[in-house]
Amino acid sequence: MEKEETPIDDPTTDSADAAPSRRRMLALGAAGVSAALTIRPAFAQTAVSVMNCQIPVPGPHGAGKYIDAGGKLVPAGTKGAFPGSPRPFTGEEVKRAFAGRSLPGASYDQSQAYLQYIRRLQAGQSGFTCYASIQMPR
């Protein structure tokens, strides 16, 4: 009688062709979990840094100028315009102001002028990166 060979007993069967073992699948799952746990704190840290970033109003390029109701820089003393903020606003303060609150230390009209200035920021201007990051959806 000849012994019939089964695929399990066949020494020529390549182990790479076999289905992944349970141990291998568990190892892959564990690697995925550790990657997720490593990335999550990075996202949390990014969210915190976005809320703590600063937007000067006006930036260094507009030092000594006032801000009109449209958010444009005008010469100091221009009627209806506001002096710049004595301190930069944080990303969190600006985000709240865009949601309807006033910026700290500013009247309603002054706050609206400052927000218009912030909306007009362009790449390369101080505070632009902070403003852009608050606009990103999460």
N, C-alpha and C. Protein backbone atom coordinates (compact mmCIF):
# COMPACT_ATOMS: atom_id res chain seq x y z
N MET A 1 0.81 -1.17 0.00
CA MET A 1 0.00 0.00 0.00
C MET A 1 0.86 1.24 0.00
N GLU A 2 0.46 2.15 -0.86
CA GLU A 2 1.20 3.41 -0.90
C GLU A 2 0.56 4.41 0.04
N LYS A 3 1.41 5.15 0.65
CA LYS A 3 0.92 6.18 1.56
C LYS A 3 0.53 7.41 0.74
N GLU A 4 -0.71 7.89 0.93
CA GLU A 4 -1.14 9.10 0.22
C GLU A 4 -0.64 10.32 0.98
N GLU A 5 -0.09 11.26 0.24
CA GLU A 5 0.41 12.47 0.89
C GLU A 5 -0.68 13.53 0.92
N THR A 6 -0.79 14.16 2.02
CA THR A 6 -1.73 15.27 2.15
C THR A 6 -0.94 16.56 2.08
N PRO A 7 -1.58 17.69 1.77
CA PRO A 7 -0.84 18.95 1.69
C PRO A 7 -0.11 19.29 2.99
N ILE A 8 -0.64 18.83 4.11
CA ILE A 8 0.01 19.14 5.39
C ILE A 8 1.33 18.38 5.50
N ASP A 9 1.33 17.14 4.99
CA ASP A 9 2.52 16.31 5.08
C ASP A 9 3.51 16.57 3.95
N ASP A 10 3.10 17.31 2.94
CA ASP A 10 3.94 17.52 1.77
C ASP A 10 5.10 18.45 2.10
N PRO A 11 6.34 17.96 2.06
CA PRO A 11 7.48 18.81 2.38
C PRO A 11 7.75 19.87 1.33
N THR A 12 7.17 19.76 0.14
CA THR A 12 7.41 20.75 -0.91
C THR A 12 6.49 21.95 -0.81
N THR A 13 5.48 21.89 0.05
CA THR A 13 4.55 23.01 0.19
C THR A 13 5.29 24.17 0.84
N ASP A 14 5.22 25.31 0.21
CA ASP A 14 5.88 26.52 0.73
C ASP A 14 5.04 27.12 1.84
N SER A 15 5.66 27.43 2.97
CA SER A 15 4.91 27.97 4.10
C SER A 15 4.39 29.38 3.81
N ALA A 16 4.99 30.08 2.85
CA ALA A 16 4.53 31.43 2.50
C ALA A 16 3.17 31.38 1.81
N ASP A 17 2.86 30.23 1.16
CA ASP A 17 1.58 30.10 0.47
C ASP A 17 0.45 29.77 1.44
N ALA A 18 0.79 29.31 2.60
CA ALA A 18 -0.23 28.93 3.58
C ALA A 18 -0.90 30.17 4.14
N ALA A 19 -2.11 30.00 4.64
CA ALA A 19 -2.83 31.12 5.26
C ALA A 19 -2.05 31.59 6.48
N PRO A 20 -2.11 32.90 6.79
CA PRO A 20 -1.37 33.40 7.95
C PRO A 20 -1.86 32.74 9.23
N SER A 21 -0.93 32.46 10.09
CA SER A 21 -1.29 31.80 11.34
C SER A 21 -1.99 32.78 12.27
N ARG A 22 -2.62 32.21 13.26
CA ARG A 22 -3.32 33.04 14.25
C ARG A 22 -2.32 33.94 14.98
N ARG A 23 -1.16 33.39 15.29
CA ARG A 23 -0.13 34.15 15.99
C ARG A 23 0.30 35.36 15.15
N ARG A 24 0.46 35.13 13.85
CA ARG A 24 0.88 36.21 12.94
C ARG A 24 -0.20 37.30 12.89
N MET A 25 -1.46 36.90 12.82
CA MET A 25 -2.55 37.87 12.77
C MET A 25 -2.62 38.69 14.05
N LEU A 26 -2.42 38.04 15.20
CA LEU A 26 -2.42 38.76 16.48
C LEU A 26 -1.26 39.76 16.54
N ALA A 27 -0.11 39.37 16.02
CA ALA A 27 1.05 40.26 16.02
C ALA A 27 0.77 41.49 15.15
N LEU A 28 0.16 41.28 14.00
CA LEU A 28 -0.17 42.41 13.12
C LEU A 28 -1.19 43.34 13.79
N GLY A 29 -2.16 42.76 14.47
CA GLY A 29 -3.16 43.57 15.18
C GLY A 29 -2.52 44.40 16.28
N ALA A 30 -1.59 43.81 17.01
CA ALA A 30 -0.91 44.52 18.09
C ALA A 30 -0.09 45.68 17.52
N ALA A 31 0.54 45.47 16.38
CA ALA A 31 1.33 46.53 15.76
C ALA A 31 0.42 47.69 15.34
N GLY A 32 -0.75 47.36 14.82
CA GLY A 32 -1.71 48.40 14.42
C GLY A 32 -2.19 49.22 15.60
N VAL A 33 -2.46 48.57 16.71
CA VAL A 33 -2.93 49.27 17.91
C VAL A 33 -1.84 50.19 18.43
N SER A 34 -0.60 49.72 18.46
CA SER A 34 0.47 50.57 18.98
C SER A 34 0.68 51.77 18.07
N ALA A 35 0.51 51.60 16.77
CA ALA A 35 0.63 52.74 15.85
C ALA A 35 -0.47 53.75 16.12
N ALA A 36 -1.68 53.29 16.35
CA ALA A 36 -2.80 54.20 16.63
C ALA A 36 -2.57 54.94 17.94
N LEU A 37 -2.07 54.25 18.94
CA LEU A 37 -1.82 54.89 20.23
C LEU A 37 -0.67 55.88 20.15
N THR A 38 0.24 55.69 19.20
CA THR A 38 1.35 56.62 19.02
C THR A 38 0.88 57.87 18.28
N ILE A 39 0.00 57.71 17.31
CA ILE A 39 -0.45 58.84 16.48
C ILE A 39 -1.45 59.71 17.22
N ARG A 40 -2.33 59.12 18.01
CA ARG A 40 -3.36 59.87 18.71
C ARG A 40 -2.82 61.02 19.56
N PRO A 41 -1.80 60.80 20.40
CA PRO A 41 -1.25 61.91 21.18
C PRO A 41 -0.69 63.02 20.29
N ALA A 42 -0.18 62.65 19.12
CA ALA A 42 0.34 63.67 18.21
C ALA A 42 -0.79 64.58 17.74
N PHE A 43 -1.96 64.00 17.44
CA PHE A 43 -3.10 64.81 17.05
C PHE A 43 -3.56 65.69 18.20
N ALA A 44 -3.57 65.15 19.39
CA ALA A 44 -3.97 65.93 20.57
C ALA A 44 -2.99 67.07 20.80
N GLN A 45 -1.71 66.80 20.63
CA GLN A 45 -0.71 67.85 20.82
C GLN A 45 -0.88 68.93 19.76
N THR A 46 -1.20 68.54 18.52
CA THR A 46 -1.43 69.51 17.46
C THR A 46 -2.61 70.39 17.81
N ALA A 47 -3.69 69.80 18.30
CA ALA A 47 -4.88 70.58 18.67
C ALA A 47 -4.55 71.58 19.76
N VAL A 48 -3.76 71.17 20.73
CA VAL A 48 -3.38 72.07 21.82
C VAL A 48 -2.52 73.20 21.29
N SER A 49 -1.56 72.89 20.42
CA SER A 49 -0.68 73.95 19.91
C SER A 49 -1.44 74.93 19.03
N VAL A 50 -2.45 74.46 18.31
CA VAL A 50 -3.27 75.36 17.50
C VAL A 50 -4.01 76.35 18.39
N MET A 51 -4.52 75.88 19.50
CA MET A 51 -5.27 76.77 20.39
C MET A 51 -4.36 77.73 21.15
N ASN A 52 -3.07 77.42 21.24
CA ASN A 52 -2.14 78.29 21.94
C ASN A 52 -1.31 79.16 20.99
N CYS A 53 -1.45 78.98 19.68
CA CYS A 53 -0.70 79.81 18.75
C CYS A 53 -1.19 81.25 18.87
N GLN A 54 -0.43 82.19 18.33
CA GLN A 54 -0.78 83.60 18.52
C GLN A 54 -0.92 84.34 17.20
N ILE A 55 -1.85 85.31 17.22
CA ILE A 55 -2.07 86.17 16.07
C ILE A 55 -1.95 87.62 16.54
N PRO A 56 -0.87 88.30 16.15
CA PRO A 56 -0.76 89.71 16.52
C PRO A 56 -1.66 90.56 15.63
N VAL A 57 -2.32 91.56 16.22
CA VAL A 57 -3.21 92.44 15.46
C VAL A 57 -2.81 93.88 15.76
N PRO A 58 -2.17 94.58 14.84
CA PRO A 58 -1.61 94.08 13.58
C PRO A 58 -0.27 93.41 13.82
N GLY A 59 0.25 92.79 12.78
CA GLY A 59 1.56 92.15 12.86
C GLY A 59 2.65 93.21 12.83
N PRO A 60 3.90 92.78 12.89
CA PRO A 60 5.02 93.73 12.90
C PRO A 60 5.04 94.67 11.69
N HIS A 61 4.52 94.22 10.56
CA HIS A 61 4.50 95.07 9.36
C HIS A 61 3.56 96.27 9.51
N GLY A 62 2.61 96.18 10.46
CA GLY A 62 1.64 97.27 10.63
C GLY A 62 1.78 97.99 11.95
N ALA A 63 2.94 97.88 12.57
CA ALA A 63 3.15 98.51 13.87
C ALA A 63 2.89 100.02 13.78
N GLY A 64 2.12 100.53 14.73
CA GLY A 64 1.82 101.96 14.78
C GLY A 64 0.63 102.37 13.93
N LYS A 65 0.08 101.46 13.15
CA LYS A 65 -1.08 101.79 12.32
C LYS A 65 -2.36 101.38 13.03
N TYR A 66 -3.47 101.92 12.56
CA TYR A 66 -4.79 101.58 13.08
C TYR A 66 -5.45 100.59 12.13
N ILE A 67 -6.56 100.02 12.58
CA ILE A 67 -7.30 99.06 11.77
C ILE A 67 -8.71 99.59 11.58
N ASP A 68 -9.13 99.75 10.31
CA ASP A 68 -10.48 100.26 10.06
C ASP A 68 -11.50 99.12 10.15
N ALA A 69 -12.78 99.46 9.98
CA ALA A 69 -13.86 98.49 10.13
C ALA A 69 -13.76 97.34 9.13
N GLY A 70 -13.11 97.58 7.99
CA GLY A 70 -12.95 96.54 6.98
C GLY A 70 -11.73 95.66 7.21
N GLY A 71 -10.97 95.95 8.27
CA GLY A 71 -9.79 95.15 8.57
C GLY A 71 -8.53 95.61 7.87
N LYS A 72 -8.58 96.79 7.24
CA LYS A 72 -7.40 97.31 6.53
C LYS A 72 -6.58 98.19 7.46
N LEU A 73 -5.28 98.20 7.24
CA LEU A 73 -4.40 99.07 8.01
C LEU A 73 -4.49 100.48 7.46
N VAL A 74 -4.65 101.44 8.36
CA VAL A 74 -4.76 102.85 7.99
C VAL A 74 -3.82 103.65 8.89
N PRO A 75 -3.52 104.90 8.52
CA PRO A 75 -2.64 105.71 9.37
C PRO A 75 -3.25 105.91 10.77
N ALA A 76 -2.37 106.03 11.75
CA ALA A 76 -2.80 106.24 13.14
C ALA A 76 -3.66 107.50 13.22
N GLY A 77 -4.71 107.44 14.02
CA GLY A 77 -5.58 108.59 14.21
C GLY A 77 -6.72 108.69 13.20
N THR A 78 -6.81 107.76 12.26
CA THR A 78 -7.88 107.78 11.27
C THR A 78 -9.22 107.63 11.99
N LYS A 79 -10.18 108.52 11.61
CA LYS A 79 -11.49 108.50 12.25
C LYS A 79 -12.20 107.17 11.97
N GLY A 80 -12.78 106.59 13.03
CA GLY A 80 -13.52 105.34 12.90
C GLY A 80 -12.63 104.09 12.92
N ALA A 81 -11.31 104.28 13.00
CA ALA A 81 -10.39 103.13 13.04
C ALA A 81 -9.93 102.90 14.48
N PHE A 82 -9.41 101.74 14.72
CA PHE A 82 -9.02 101.34 16.08
C PHE A 82 -7.52 101.10 16.16
N PRO A 83 -6.92 101.43 17.31
CA PRO A 83 -5.51 101.09 17.48
C PRO A 83 -5.36 99.58 17.57
N GLY A 84 -4.18 99.08 17.27
CA GLY A 84 -3.93 97.65 17.35
C GLY A 84 -4.05 97.13 18.77
N SER A 85 -4.19 95.85 18.89
CA SER A 85 -4.30 95.22 20.20
C SER A 85 -2.94 95.29 20.91
N PRO A 86 -2.95 95.55 22.22
CA PRO A 86 -1.68 95.61 22.94
C PRO A 86 -0.99 94.24 23.07
N ARG A 87 -1.73 93.17 22.86
CA ARG A 87 -1.14 91.84 22.94
C ARG A 87 -1.72 90.96 21.82
N PRO A 88 -0.98 89.94 21.41
CA PRO A 88 -1.53 89.03 20.39
C PRO A 88 -2.67 88.19 20.97
N PHE A 89 -3.58 87.77 20.11
CA PHE A 89 -4.68 86.90 20.52
C PHE A 89 -4.28 85.45 20.29
N THR A 90 -4.76 84.57 21.16
CA THR A 90 -4.47 83.14 20.97
C THR A 90 -5.45 82.55 19.95
N GLY A 91 -5.09 81.41 19.40
CA GLY A 91 -5.97 80.73 18.47
C GLY A 91 -7.32 80.43 19.08
N GLU A 92 -7.33 80.06 20.35
CA GLU A 92 -8.59 79.76 21.06
C GLU A 92 -9.47 81.00 21.14
N GLU A 93 -8.88 82.15 21.46
CA GLU A 93 -9.66 83.40 21.56
C GLU A 93 -10.25 83.78 20.21
N VAL A 94 -9.46 83.63 19.16
CA VAL A 94 -9.93 83.98 17.82
C VAL A 94 -11.02 83.01 17.38
N LYS A 95 -10.85 81.74 17.67
CA LYS A 95 -11.87 80.75 17.30
C LYS A 95 -13.20 81.07 17.98
N ARG A 96 -13.15 81.43 19.27
CA ARG A 96 -14.37 81.80 19.99
C ARG A 96 -14.99 83.06 19.40
N ALA A 97 -14.14 84.01 19.01
CA ALA A 97 -14.65 85.26 18.42
C ALA A 97 -15.34 84.99 17.09
N PHE A 98 -14.80 84.07 16.29
CA PHE A 98 -15.46 83.72 15.03
C PHE A 98 -16.80 83.03 15.29
N ALA A 99 -16.95 82.46 16.47
CA ALA A 99 -18.21 81.80 16.84
C ALA A 99 -19.21 82.77 17.46
N GLY A 100 -18.85 84.06 17.57
CA GLY A 100 -19.81 85.05 18.06
C GLY A 100 -19.40 85.84 19.28
N ARG A 101 -18.35 85.47 19.95
CA ARG A 101 -17.91 86.23 21.13
C ARG A 101 -16.99 87.37 20.70
N SER A 102 -16.79 88.31 21.60
CA SER A 102 -15.83 89.39 21.32
C SER A 102 -14.44 88.96 21.75
N LEU A 103 -13.45 89.54 21.11
CA LEU A 103 -12.07 89.28 21.52
C LEU A 103 -11.82 89.93 22.87
N PRO A 104 -11.00 89.34 23.72
CA PRO A 104 -10.76 89.91 25.05
C PRO A 104 -10.15 91.31 24.98
N GLY A 105 -10.70 92.21 25.79
CA GLY A 105 -10.19 93.57 25.86
C GLY A 105 -10.61 94.46 24.71
N ALA A 106 -11.56 94.01 23.90
CA ALA A 106 -11.99 94.78 22.74
C ALA A 106 -13.51 94.95 22.77
N SER A 107 -13.96 96.13 22.32
CA SER A 107 -15.41 96.35 22.19
C SER A 107 -15.93 95.50 21.04
N TYR A 108 -17.24 95.46 20.87
CA TYR A 108 -17.82 94.68 19.78
C TYR A 108 -17.30 95.17 18.42
N ASP A 109 -17.36 96.49 18.19
CA ASP A 109 -16.92 97.04 16.89
C ASP A 109 -15.42 96.82 16.68
N GLN A 110 -14.67 97.02 17.73
CA GLN A 110 -13.22 96.80 17.65
C GLN A 110 -12.93 95.33 17.34
N SER A 111 -13.63 94.45 17.99
CA SER A 111 -13.47 93.02 17.77
C SER A 111 -13.79 92.65 16.32
N GLN A 112 -14.85 93.21 15.77
CA GLN A 112 -15.22 92.94 14.38
C GLN A 112 -14.14 93.43 13.41
N ALA A 113 -13.58 94.60 13.69
CA ALA A 113 -12.49 95.13 12.85
C ALA A 113 -11.27 94.21 12.93
N TYR A 114 -10.94 93.76 14.13
CA TYR A 114 -9.80 92.86 14.30
C TYR A 114 -10.04 91.54 13.56
N LEU A 115 -11.25 91.01 13.63
CA LEU A 115 -11.55 89.76 12.94
C LEU A 115 -11.46 89.94 11.42
N GLN A 116 -11.89 91.10 10.94
CA GLN A 116 -11.74 91.37 9.50
C GLN A 116 -10.26 91.41 9.12
N TYR A 117 -9.45 92.02 9.96
CA TYR A 117 -8.00 92.05 9.72
C TYR A 117 -7.45 90.62 9.67
N ILE A 118 -7.86 89.80 10.62
CA ILE A 118 -7.38 88.41 10.68
C ILE A 118 -7.82 87.64 9.43
N ARG A 119 -9.06 87.85 8.98
CA ARG A 119 -9.55 87.17 7.76
C ARG A 119 -8.73 87.55 6.53
N ARG A 120 -8.16 88.75 6.54
CA ARG A 120 -7.40 89.24 5.39
C ARG A 120 -5.93 88.81 5.41
N LEU A 121 -5.50 88.13 6.48
CA LEU A 121 -4.10 87.70 6.56
C LEU A 121 -3.74 86.82 5.38
N GLN A 122 -2.51 86.97 4.91
CA GLN A 122 -2.03 86.17 3.79
C GLN A 122 -0.76 85.45 4.19
N ALA A 123 -0.41 84.42 3.42
CA ALA A 123 0.80 83.64 3.70
C ALA A 123 1.99 84.58 3.80
N GLY A 124 2.81 84.36 4.80
CA GLY A 124 3.99 85.19 5.01
C GLY A 124 3.78 86.25 6.08
N GLN A 125 2.52 86.57 6.37
CA GLN A 125 2.24 87.57 7.41
C GLN A 125 2.19 86.88 8.76
N SER A 126 2.60 87.62 9.77
CA SER A 126 2.60 87.08 11.13
C SER A 126 1.18 86.71 11.55
N GLY A 127 1.00 85.49 12.02
CA GLY A 127 -0.30 85.02 12.47
C GLY A 127 -1.07 84.23 11.42
N PHE A 128 -0.59 84.23 10.17
CA PHE A 128 -1.33 83.54 9.11
C PHE A 128 -1.42 82.03 9.37
N THR A 129 -0.31 81.41 9.75
CA THR A 129 -0.30 79.97 9.97
C THR A 129 -1.28 79.59 11.08
N CYS A 130 -1.31 80.39 12.13
CA CYS A 130 -2.24 80.14 13.23
C CYS A 130 -3.68 80.26 12.72
N TYR A 131 -3.97 81.32 11.97
CA TYR A 131 -5.32 81.53 11.44
C TYR A 131 -5.72 80.36 10.53
N ALA A 132 -4.80 79.94 9.66
CA ALA A 132 -5.09 78.84 8.74
C ALA A 132 -5.38 77.55 9.51
N SER A 133 -4.64 77.33 10.58
CA SER A 133 -4.84 76.09 11.34
C SER A 133 -6.15 76.07 12.10
N ILE A 134 -6.67 77.23 12.49
CA ILE A 134 -7.97 77.24 13.19
C ILE A 134 -9.10 76.97 12.19
N GLN A 135 -8.85 77.27 10.92
CA GLN A 135 -9.87 77.07 9.90
C GLN A 135 -9.97 75.61 9.45
N MET A 136 -8.95 74.81 9.74
CA MET A 136 -8.94 73.41 9.32
C MET A 136 -10.00 72.62 10.08
N PRO A 137 -10.80 71.84 9.37
CA PRO A 137 -11.77 71.00 10.08
C PRO A 137 -11.04 69.85 10.77
N ARG A 138 -11.61 69.38 11.89
CA ARG A 138 -10.98 68.27 12.61
C ARG A 138 -11.80 67.03 12.46
